[in-house]
């Protein structure tokens, strides 16, 4: 004999009247309490800094209002979980199918009575067999990889309208899945930007109406994306953002002894290298107020160049003078050598004394005519240049010896 089917209206009224302890007795599987999920501040708080964050009116900063959780959204014990539904609201694949299966048939019946939902809108039902008291159904845009203005607006509306229902039903805790990133094909990173930005803005405007917003992701890819972006968007004064978070690394920080001094030295080196690159990239005329100083520098530069040119000209003039002096010295030396040779020739002629009465020896004349001139450098046979003084000294020779020589022949 089959059980009698429950009426969703009756079941809804009964469950909403139970306190938390009584409802826990009817959970169909295990659950995760809110206290077991750390806030973003608790997960990233620096132990070396005091808590000096200015609190929002609802108590705590932004880091106290949000959490990042990787796991099954159907086990979270919160006031409401958000379902990434289709327009029929009657269940489907992904997180939509999981929520319908875990909540039971009463959820399907109540959703059937809602007559579907438009894209970007949101509707609320009871959670039934779920640890969550309510389920907020919202329909995300079908992107299929293409993101235009309409898709961005619709996805933003999904988060905003869901949060408005939280406020309307006086709920304090809510968990969001990644809307539209599954079969609807919305890119993961742009979807995370919209989710985090919209939630942050809403919390700042309604901080006294919310206690916790949980971003529940299932895939490791989404976990890394959310961790990286939350480190920037929800960065409070006392939250230490590690380099691994900025890079999107989902692995816990290394426990090896990488000291704080080594890390600071590495960061200091990077900053110095960055400053040097900025100095090299700066244009010369970027700093307009320093124009007078630049003019002084230019004038000094021109003066130094002029001095260098003058010195160079002086050096050239000095070299020319030295070369002239060397040329003159060489010419003087050549003149001295020439005069010396003439004197030597003169001395050699004077070494052979002649008597006025002795006839000249023909053999001597032959030898004299065959000897090269001492004034030549290559020994060529050239006629000696007659010296006026020599010619005058040889004139008074007696012609008698010549006649006797002819008679002898």
Protein backbone atom coordinates (compact mmCIF):
# COMPACT_ATOMS: atom_id res chain seq x y z
CA UNK A 1 0.00 0.00 0.00
CA UNK A 2 1.52 3.32 -1.11
CA UNK A 3 1.89 6.33 1.11
CA UNK A 4 -0.54 9.16 0.77
CA UNK A 5 0.97 12.05 -1.19
CA UNK A 6 1.70 15.12 0.93
CA UNK A 7 -0.01 18.39 0.17
CA UNK A 8 2.70 21.01 -0.37
CA UNK A 9 0.65 23.80 1.23
CA UNK A 10 0.08 21.82 4.44
CA UNK A 11 3.66 20.61 4.56
CA UNK A 12 4.99 24.07 3.99
CA UNK A 13 2.94 25.55 6.82
CA UNK A 14 4.01 22.77 9.20
CA UNK A 15 7.71 23.00 8.45
CA UNK A 16 7.89 26.75 8.74
CA UNK A 17 6.41 26.58 12.26
CA UNK A 18 9.12 24.19 13.54
CA UNK A 19 12.18 25.45 15.33
CA UNK A 20 15.65 24.46 14.16
CA UNK A 21 16.10 21.50 16.46
CA UNK A 22 12.78 19.94 15.44
CA UNK A 23 13.48 20.47 11.78
CA UNK A 24 16.87 18.75 12.09
CA UNK A 25 15.08 15.55 13.00
CA UNK A 26 13.46 15.53 9.56
CA UNK A 27 16.55 16.16 7.45
CA UNK A 28 17.02 13.41 4.90
CA UNK A 29 20.84 13.59 5.00
CA UNK A 30 23.69 15.34 6.77
CA UNK A 31 24.00 19.12 6.97
CA UNK A 32 26.60 21.85 7.44
CA UNK A 33 25.97 24.52 10.05
CA UNK A 34 26.68 28.18 9.45
CA UNK A 35 29.19 28.20 12.31
CA UNK A 36 31.25 25.60 10.44
CA UNK A 37 31.73 27.97 7.50
CA UNK A 38 34.31 30.68 8.27
CA UNK A 39 33.75 34.21 7.12
CA UNK A 40 36.10 35.70 4.56
CA UNK A 41 37.77 37.72 7.34
CA UNK A 42 38.27 34.68 9.56
CA UNK A 43 39.79 32.73 6.71
CA UNK A 44 42.25 35.46 5.73
CA UNK A 45 42.86 37.50 8.87
CA UNK A 46 46.48 38.41 9.55
CA UNK A 47 47.60 37.27 12.99
CA UNK A 48 50.07 40.14 13.28
CA UNK A 49 47.56 42.96 12.92
CA UNK A 50 44.94 44.31 15.25
CA UNK A 51 41.32 44.48 14.16
CA UNK A 52 40.95 48.14 13.23
CA UNK A 53 38.29 47.70 10.52
CA UNK A 54 35.46 50.19 10.67
CA UNK A 55 32.31 48.15 11.21
CA UNK A 56 29.22 48.46 9.08
CA UNK A 57 25.90 49.34 10.77
CA UNK A 58 24.80 45.69 10.81
CA UNK A 59 27.91 44.63 12.68
CA UNK A 60 31.30 43.73 11.20
CA UNK A 61 32.94 44.73 7.97
CA UNK A 62 32.40 43.36 4.48
CA UNK A 63 34.75 40.47 5.25
CA UNK A 64 32.41 39.39 8.07
CA UNK A 65 29.38 39.34 5.77
CA UNK A 66 30.61 36.93 3.08
CA UNK A 67 32.05 33.42 2.85
CA UNK A 68 33.50 31.17 0.15
CA UNK A 69 32.46 27.54 0.36
CA UNK A 70 33.30 24.65 -1.96
CA UNK A 71 30.84 21.80 -1.79
CA UNK A 72 27.21 20.72 -2.03
CA UNK A 73 24.75 23.58 -1.68
CA UNK A 74 21.91 21.22 -0.67
CA UNK A 75 23.51 20.43 2.73
CA UNK A 76 23.84 24.05 3.92
CA UNK A 77 21.74 24.94 6.95
CA UNK A 78 20.89 28.55 6.10
CA UNK A 79 17.74 30.60 5.79
CA UNK A 80 17.68 30.26 2.00
CA UNK A 81 19.62 28.76 -0.87
CA UNK A 82 19.36 30.12 -4.43
CA UNK A 83 18.49 27.75 -7.28
CA UNK A 84 19.79 28.41 -10.81
CA UNK A 85 16.49 27.40 -12.39
CA UNK A 86 15.03 27.37 -15.88
CA UNK A 87 11.99 29.33 -16.92
CA UNK A 88 9.60 26.43 -16.10
CA UNK A 89 10.89 26.10 -12.50
CA UNK A 90 10.11 22.37 -12.73
CA UNK A 91 13.63 21.09 -12.39
CA UNK A 92 16.37 20.30 -14.86
CA UNK A 93 20.07 19.49 -14.90
CA UNK A 94 22.95 20.65 -12.74
CA UNK A 95 22.26 22.35 -9.45
CA UNK A 96 18.56 22.71 -10.36
CA UNK A 97 18.09 18.93 -10.56
CA UNK A 98 20.07 18.33 -7.35
CA UNK A 99 17.96 20.78 -5.36
CA UNK A 100 14.66 19.30 -6.61
CA UNK A 101 15.84 15.79 -5.80
CA UNK A 102 17.00 16.68 -2.28
CA UNK A 103 13.89 18.76 -1.44
CA UNK A 104 11.33 16.15 -2.47
CA UNK A 105 8.14 16.16 -4.50
CA UNK A 106 6.50 19.01 -2.58
CA UNK A 107 8.97 21.44 -4.09
CA UNK A 108 7.94 20.40 -7.58
CA UNK A 109 4.28 20.88 -6.75
CA UNK A 110 4.76 24.35 -5.35
CA UNK A 111 6.94 25.37 -8.32
CA UNK A 112 4.23 24.10 -10.65
CA UNK A 113 1.82 26.55 -9.06
CA UNK A 114 4.11 29.52 -9.79
CA UNK A 115 3.61 29.35 -13.56
CA UNK A 116 7.25 29.68 -14.41
CA UNK A 117 9.64 32.62 -14.11
CA UNK A 118 11.13 35.14 -16.51
CA UNK A 119 14.87 35.58 -17.06
CA UNK A 120 16.42 37.82 -14.42
CA UNK A 121 13.45 37.48 -12.06
CA UNK A 122 13.24 35.47 -8.82
CA UNK A 123 10.55 33.54 -6.93
CA UNK A 124 10.61 31.89 -3.48
CA UNK A 125 9.36 28.54 -2.16
CA UNK A 126 9.72 26.42 0.97
CA UNK A 127 12.81 24.23 1.32
CA UNK A 128 10.85 21.16 2.46
CA UNK A 129 13.32 18.29 3.04
CA UNK A 130 16.35 20.55 2.66
CA UNK A 131 18.24 21.97 5.70
CA UNK A 132 17.53 25.41 4.16
CA UNK A 133 14.18 26.86 5.14
CA UNK A 134 13.58 28.49 1.74
CA UNK A 135 14.63 28.09 -1.88
CA UNK A 136 14.86 31.20 -4.06
CA UNK A 137 14.57 30.30 -7.75
CA UNK A 138 16.09 32.66 -10.31
CA UNK A 139 16.50 32.25 -14.05
CA UNK A 140 19.86 33.26 -15.48
CA UNK A 141 20.55 34.35 -19.06
CA UNK A 142 21.49 31.84 -21.76
CA UNK A 143 24.85 33.17 -22.97
CA UNK A 144 26.39 30.26 -24.92
CA UNK A 145 29.71 32.12 -24.75
CA UNK A 146 28.30 35.45 -26.00
CA UNK A 147 27.99 38.20 -23.38
CA UNK A 148 26.18 41.37 -24.37
CA UNK A 149 24.52 44.18 -22.46
CA UNK A 150 21.30 42.20 -22.05
CA UNK A 151 23.08 39.16 -20.60
CA UNK A 152 24.99 41.36 -18.16
CA UNK A 153 21.81 43.13 -17.07
CA UNK A 154 19.87 39.87 -16.66
CA UNK A 155 22.57 38.19 -14.57
CA UNK A 156 22.90 41.27 -12.36
CA UNK A 157 19.12 41.22 -11.87
CA UNK A 158 19.27 37.57 -10.76
CA UNK A 159 21.48 38.41 -7.79
CA UNK A 160 19.76 41.68 -6.93
CA UNK A 161 16.19 40.29 -7.09
CA UNK A 162 17.19 37.26 -5.03
CA UNK A 163 18.69 39.48 -2.34
CA UNK A 164 15.56 41.65 -2.38
CA UNK A 165 13.49 38.54 -1.58
CA UNK A 166 15.87 37.79 1.32
CA UNK A 167 15.17 41.24 2.66
CA UNK A 168 11.43 40.97 2.01
CA UNK A 169 11.08 37.69 3.92
CA UNK A 170 13.32 38.92 6.74
CA UNK A 171 15.97 36.27 6.13
CA UNK A 172 19.53 36.70 7.45
CA UNK A 173 21.63 34.08 5.67
CA UNK A 174 21.68 33.01 2.00
CA UNK A 175 23.86 30.87 -0.27
CA UNK A 176 24.38 31.47 -4.01
CA UNK A 177 25.55 28.98 -6.62
CA UNK A 178 27.30 30.05 -9.83
CA UNK A 179 24.34 31.19 -11.92
CA UNK A 180 24.32 30.57 -15.70
CA UNK A 181 27.90 29.21 -15.83
CA UNK A 182 26.80 25.62 -16.51
CA UNK A 183 24.85 24.57 -19.56
CA UNK A 184 23.80 28.19 -20.15
CA UNK A 185 27.41 28.94 -21.09
CA UNK A 186 28.10 32.22 -19.28
CA UNK A 187 31.92 32.66 -18.97
CA UNK A 188 33.07 31.92 -15.43
CA UNK A 189 35.19 34.99 -14.72
CA UNK A 190 32.72 37.63 -15.98
CA UNK A 191 29.96 35.82 -14.07
CA UNK A 192 32.03 35.95 -10.88
CA UNK A 193 32.66 39.67 -11.36
CA UNK A 194 28.92 40.34 -11.59
CA UNK A 195 28.09 38.11 -8.62
CA UNK A 196 30.69 39.62 -6.29
CA UNK A 197 30.15 43.21 -7.40
CA UNK A 198 26.36 43.06 -7.11
CA UNK A 199 26.44 41.37 -3.71
CA UNK A 200 28.99 43.84 -2.36
CA UNK A 201 26.95 46.83 -3.46
CA UNK A 202 23.77 45.37 -1.99
CA UNK A 203 25.43 44.60 1.36
CA UNK A 204 26.79 48.13 1.60
CA UNK A 205 23.26 49.47 1.06
CA UNK A 206 21.54 46.92 3.34
CA UNK A 207 24.23 45.94 5.83
CA UNK A 208 21.78 45.82 8.73
CA UNK A 209 19.50 43.40 6.85
CA UNK A 210 21.98 40.58 6.24
CA UNK A 211 24.26 38.43 8.36
CA UNK A 212 25.97 36.22 5.81
CA UNK A 213 26.10 35.68 2.05
CA UNK A 214 27.81 32.43 1.04
CA UNK A 215 29.26 31.93 -2.43
CA UNK A 216 28.93 28.18 -2.88
CA UNK A 217 31.00 26.76 -5.73
CA UNK A 218 31.34 23.14 -6.82
CA UNK A 219 34.14 23.18 -9.41
CA UNK A 220 37.79 23.81 -8.60
CA UNK A 221 37.95 26.34 -11.44
CA UNK A 222 35.23 28.50 -9.89
CA UNK A 223 36.80 28.18 -6.46
CA UNK A 224 40.11 29.57 -7.75
CA UNK A 225 38.36 32.41 -9.59
CA UNK A 226 36.27 33.46 -6.60
CA UNK A 227 39.20 33.25 -4.21
CA UNK A 228 41.30 35.50 -6.41
CA UNK A 229 38.58 38.09 -6.95
CA UNK A 230 37.28 38.14 -3.36
CA UNK A 231 40.79 38.95 -2.17
CA UNK A 232 40.46 42.23 -4.04
CA UNK A 233 36.75 43.06 -3.77
CA UNK A 234 36.30 42.18 -0.07
CA UNK A 235 39.70 43.32 1.16
CA UNK A 236 39.40 44.77 4.65
CA UNK A 237 42.19 46.53 6.55
CA UNK A 238 43.09 43.51 8.70
CA UNK A 239 42.82 40.89 5.95
CA UNK A 240 46.16 39.67 4.68
CA UNK A 241 46.04 39.00 0.95
CA UNK A 242 48.64 36.45 -0.10
CA UNK A 243 50.33 36.30 -3.49
CA UNK A 244 48.74 32.89 -4.06
CA UNK A 245 45.27 34.41 -3.75
CA UNK A 246 46.02 37.17 -6.24
CA UNK A 247 47.27 34.55 -8.70
CA UNK A 248 44.15 32.46 -8.15
CA UNK A 249 46.02 29.55 -6.53
CA UNK A 250 43.56 27.36 -4.67
CA UNK A 251 46.24 25.41 -2.79
CA UNK A 252 46.94 26.36 0.85
CA UNK A 253 50.04 28.44 1.57
CA UNK A 254 53.29 26.50 1.92
CA UNK A 255 54.39 25.64 5.46
CA UNK A 256 58.08 25.63 4.51
CA UNK A 257 60.30 28.17 6.22
CA UNK A 258 60.11 30.93 3.68
CA UNK A 259 60.82 33.68 6.17
CA UNK A 260 59.10 37.00 6.28
CA UNK A 261 62.40 38.78 5.64
CA UNK A 262 62.92 36.80 2.40
CA UNK A 263 59.44 37.66 1.22
CA UNK A 264 59.96 41.34 2.01
CA UNK A 265 63.30 41.33 0.18
CA UNK A 266 61.65 39.78 -2.87
CA UNK A 267 58.88 42.36 -2.86
CA UNK A 268 61.42 45.15 -2.39
CA UNK A 269 63.43 43.91 -5.38
CA UNK A 270 60.33 43.81 -7.54
CA UNK A 271 59.40 47.37 -6.50
CA UNK A 272 62.91 48.65 -7.29
CA UNK A 273 62.90 46.95 -10.72
CA UNK A 274 59.48 48.44 -11.38
CA UNK A 275 60.67 51.93 -10.36
CA UNK A 276 63.68 51.65 -12.71
CA UNK A 277 61.40 50.63 -15.60
CA UNK A 278 59.12 53.60 -14.88
CA UNK A 279 62.12 55.97 -14.86
CA UNK A 280 63.32 54.61 -18.20
CA UNK A 281 59.82 54.85 -19.69
CA UNK A 282 59.23 58.45 -18.54
CA UNK A 283 59.34 60.96 -21.41
CA UNK A 284 61.91 63.76 -21.13
CA UNK A 285 59.36 66.55 -21.33
CA UNK A 286 56.90 65.03 -18.88
CA UNK A 287 57.85 67.28 -15.95
CA UNK A 288 56.82 70.73 -17.14
CA UNK A 289 57.50 72.66 -13.86
CA UNK A 290 61.23 71.81 -14.13
CA UNK A 291 61.68 73.76 -17.39
CA UNK A 292 64.03 76.44 -15.93
CA UNK A 293 66.25 73.74 -14.53
CA UNK A 294 66.30 72.01 -17.93
CA UNK A 295 67.33 75.31 -19.61
CA UNK A 296 70.24 75.70 -17.18
CA UNK A 297 71.31 72.15 -17.87
CA UNK A 298 71.12 72.75 -21.62
CA UNK A 299 73.18 75.97 -21.37
CA UNK A 300 75.81 74.23 -19.25
CA UNK A 301 75.89 71.40 -21.75
CA UNK A 302 76.39 73.85 -24.64
CA UNK A 303 79.19 75.64 -22.78
CA UNK A 304 80.99 72.36 -22.09
CA UNK A 305 80.65 71.37 -25.74
CA UNK A 306 82.03 74.76 -26.83
CA UNK A 307 84.99 74.34 -24.47
CA UNK A 308 85.67 70.91 -25.88
CA UNK A 309 85.59 72.29 -29.42
CA UNK A 310 88.00 75.11 -28.48
CA UNK A 311 90.39 72.65 -26.86
CA UNK A 312 90.22 70.45 -29.92
CA UNK A 313 91.04 73.38 -32.21
CA UNK A 314 93.96 74.37 -29.98
CA UNK A 315 95.28 70.83 -30.12
CA UNK A 316 95.07 70.84 -33.93
CA UNK A 317 96.87 74.19 -34.13
CA UNK A 318 99.56 72.92 -31.80
CA UNK A 319 100.01 69.80 -33.91
CA UNK A 320 100.33 71.91 -37.07
CA UNK A 321 102.97 74.11 -35.42
CA UNK A 322 104.93 71.08 -34.27
CA UNK A 323 104.79 69.54 -37.75
CA UNK A 324 106.06 72.83 -39.23
CA UNK A 325 108.88 72.93 -36.71
CA UNK A 326 109.84 69.35 -37.56
CA UNK A 327 109.81 70.21 -41.29
CA UNK A 328 112.00 73.25 -40.72
CA UNK A 329 114.44 71.22 -38.62
CA UNK A 330 114.67 68.60 -41.35
CA UNK A 331 115.28 71.26 -43.99
CA UNK A 332 118.02 72.81 -41.83
CA UNK A 333 119.59 69.39 -41.37
CA UNK A 334 119.55 68.81 -45.12
CA UNK A 335 121.14 72.18 -45.74
CA UNK A 336 123.80 71.46 -43.16
CA UNK A 337 124.51 68.06 -44.74
CA UNK A 338 124.85 69.66 -48.19
CA UNK A 339 127.22 72.35 -46.96
CA UNK A 340 129.21 69.75 -45.06
CA UNK A 341 129.61 67.63 -48.18
CA UNK A 342 130.83 70.63 -50.10
CA UNK A 343 133.37 71.36 -47.42
CA UNK A 344 134.54 67.72 -47.45
CA UNK A 345 135.05 67.83 -51.20
CA UNK A 346 136.96 71.01 -50.84
CA UNK A 347 139.19 69.50 -48.17
CA UNK A 348 139.90 66.43 -50.31
CA UNK A 349 141.04 68.59 -53.19
CA UNK A 350 143.31 70.53 -50.92
CA UNK A 351 144.92 67.31 -49.59
CA UNK A 352 146.65 66.68 -52.98
CA UNK A 353 149.35 69.43 -53.33
CA UNK A 354 150.50 70.37 -56.78
CA UNK A 355 153.63 72.02 -57.85
CA UNK A 356 153.38 74.59 -60.49
CA UNK A 357 156.19 73.03 -62.47
CA UNK A 358 154.98 69.42 -62.25
CA UNK A 359 152.84 68.29 -65.07
CA UNK A 360 149.51 66.75 -64.14
CA UNK A 361 149.52 62.99 -64.12
CA UNK A 362 147.21 61.65 -66.80
CA UNK A 363 146.39 58.57 -64.73
CA UNK A 364 145.28 60.80 -61.90
CA UNK A 365 142.98 62.65 -64.21
CA UNK A 366 141.54 59.37 -65.39
CA UNK A 367 140.92 58.20 -61.83
CA UNK A 368 139.36 61.46 -60.88
CA UNK A 369 137.02 61.27 -63.82
CA UNK A 370 136.03 57.68 -63.00
CA UNK A 371 135.27 58.31 -59.29
CA UNK A 372 131.65 59.13 -58.43
CA UNK A 373 130.75 62.43 -56.89
CA UNK A 374 130.61 62.31 -53.10
CA UNK A 375 127.52 64.51 -53.04
CA UNK A 376 125.30 61.88 -54.67
CA UNK A 377 123.48 59.23 -52.69
CA UNK A 378 123.14 56.53 -55.41
CA UNK A 379 126.76 56.62 -56.88
CA UNK A 380 125.73 57.69 -60.41
CA UNK A 381 128.40 59.12 -62.76
CA UNK A 382 127.70 62.79 -63.00
CA UNK A 383 130.07 65.65 -63.73
CA UNK A 384 131.23 67.65 -60.73
CA UNK A 385 130.03 71.18 -60.54
CA UNK A 386 132.86 73.58 -60.96
CA UNK A 387 133.52 75.85 -58.08
CA UNK A 388 134.39 79.41 -59.01
CA UNK A 389 137.13 79.46 -56.44
CA UNK A 390 138.66 76.25 -57.83
CA UNK A 391 138.60 77.55 -61.37
CA UNK A 392 140.38 80.73 -60.34
CA UNK A 393 143.04 78.73 -58.51
CA UNK A 394 143.73 76.49 -61.51
CA UNK A 395 144.17 79.30 -64.07
CA UNK A 396 147.78 80.28 -63.39
CA UNK A 397 149.11 76.83 -64.39
CA UNK A 398 152.22 76.89 -66.53
CA UNK A 399 151.60 75.70 -70.09
CA UNK A 400 155.17 74.54 -70.53
CA UNK A 401 154.72 71.16 -68.91
CA UNK A 402 151.89 70.45 -71.36
CA UNK A 403 154.13 71.15 -74.32
CA UNK A 404 156.91 68.92 -72.94
CA UNK A 405 154.37 66.13 -72.50
CA UNK A 406 153.26 66.44 -76.07
CA UNK A 407 156.84 66.32 -77.32
CA UNK A 408 157.45 63.18 -75.34
CA UNK A 409 154.53 61.46 -76.98
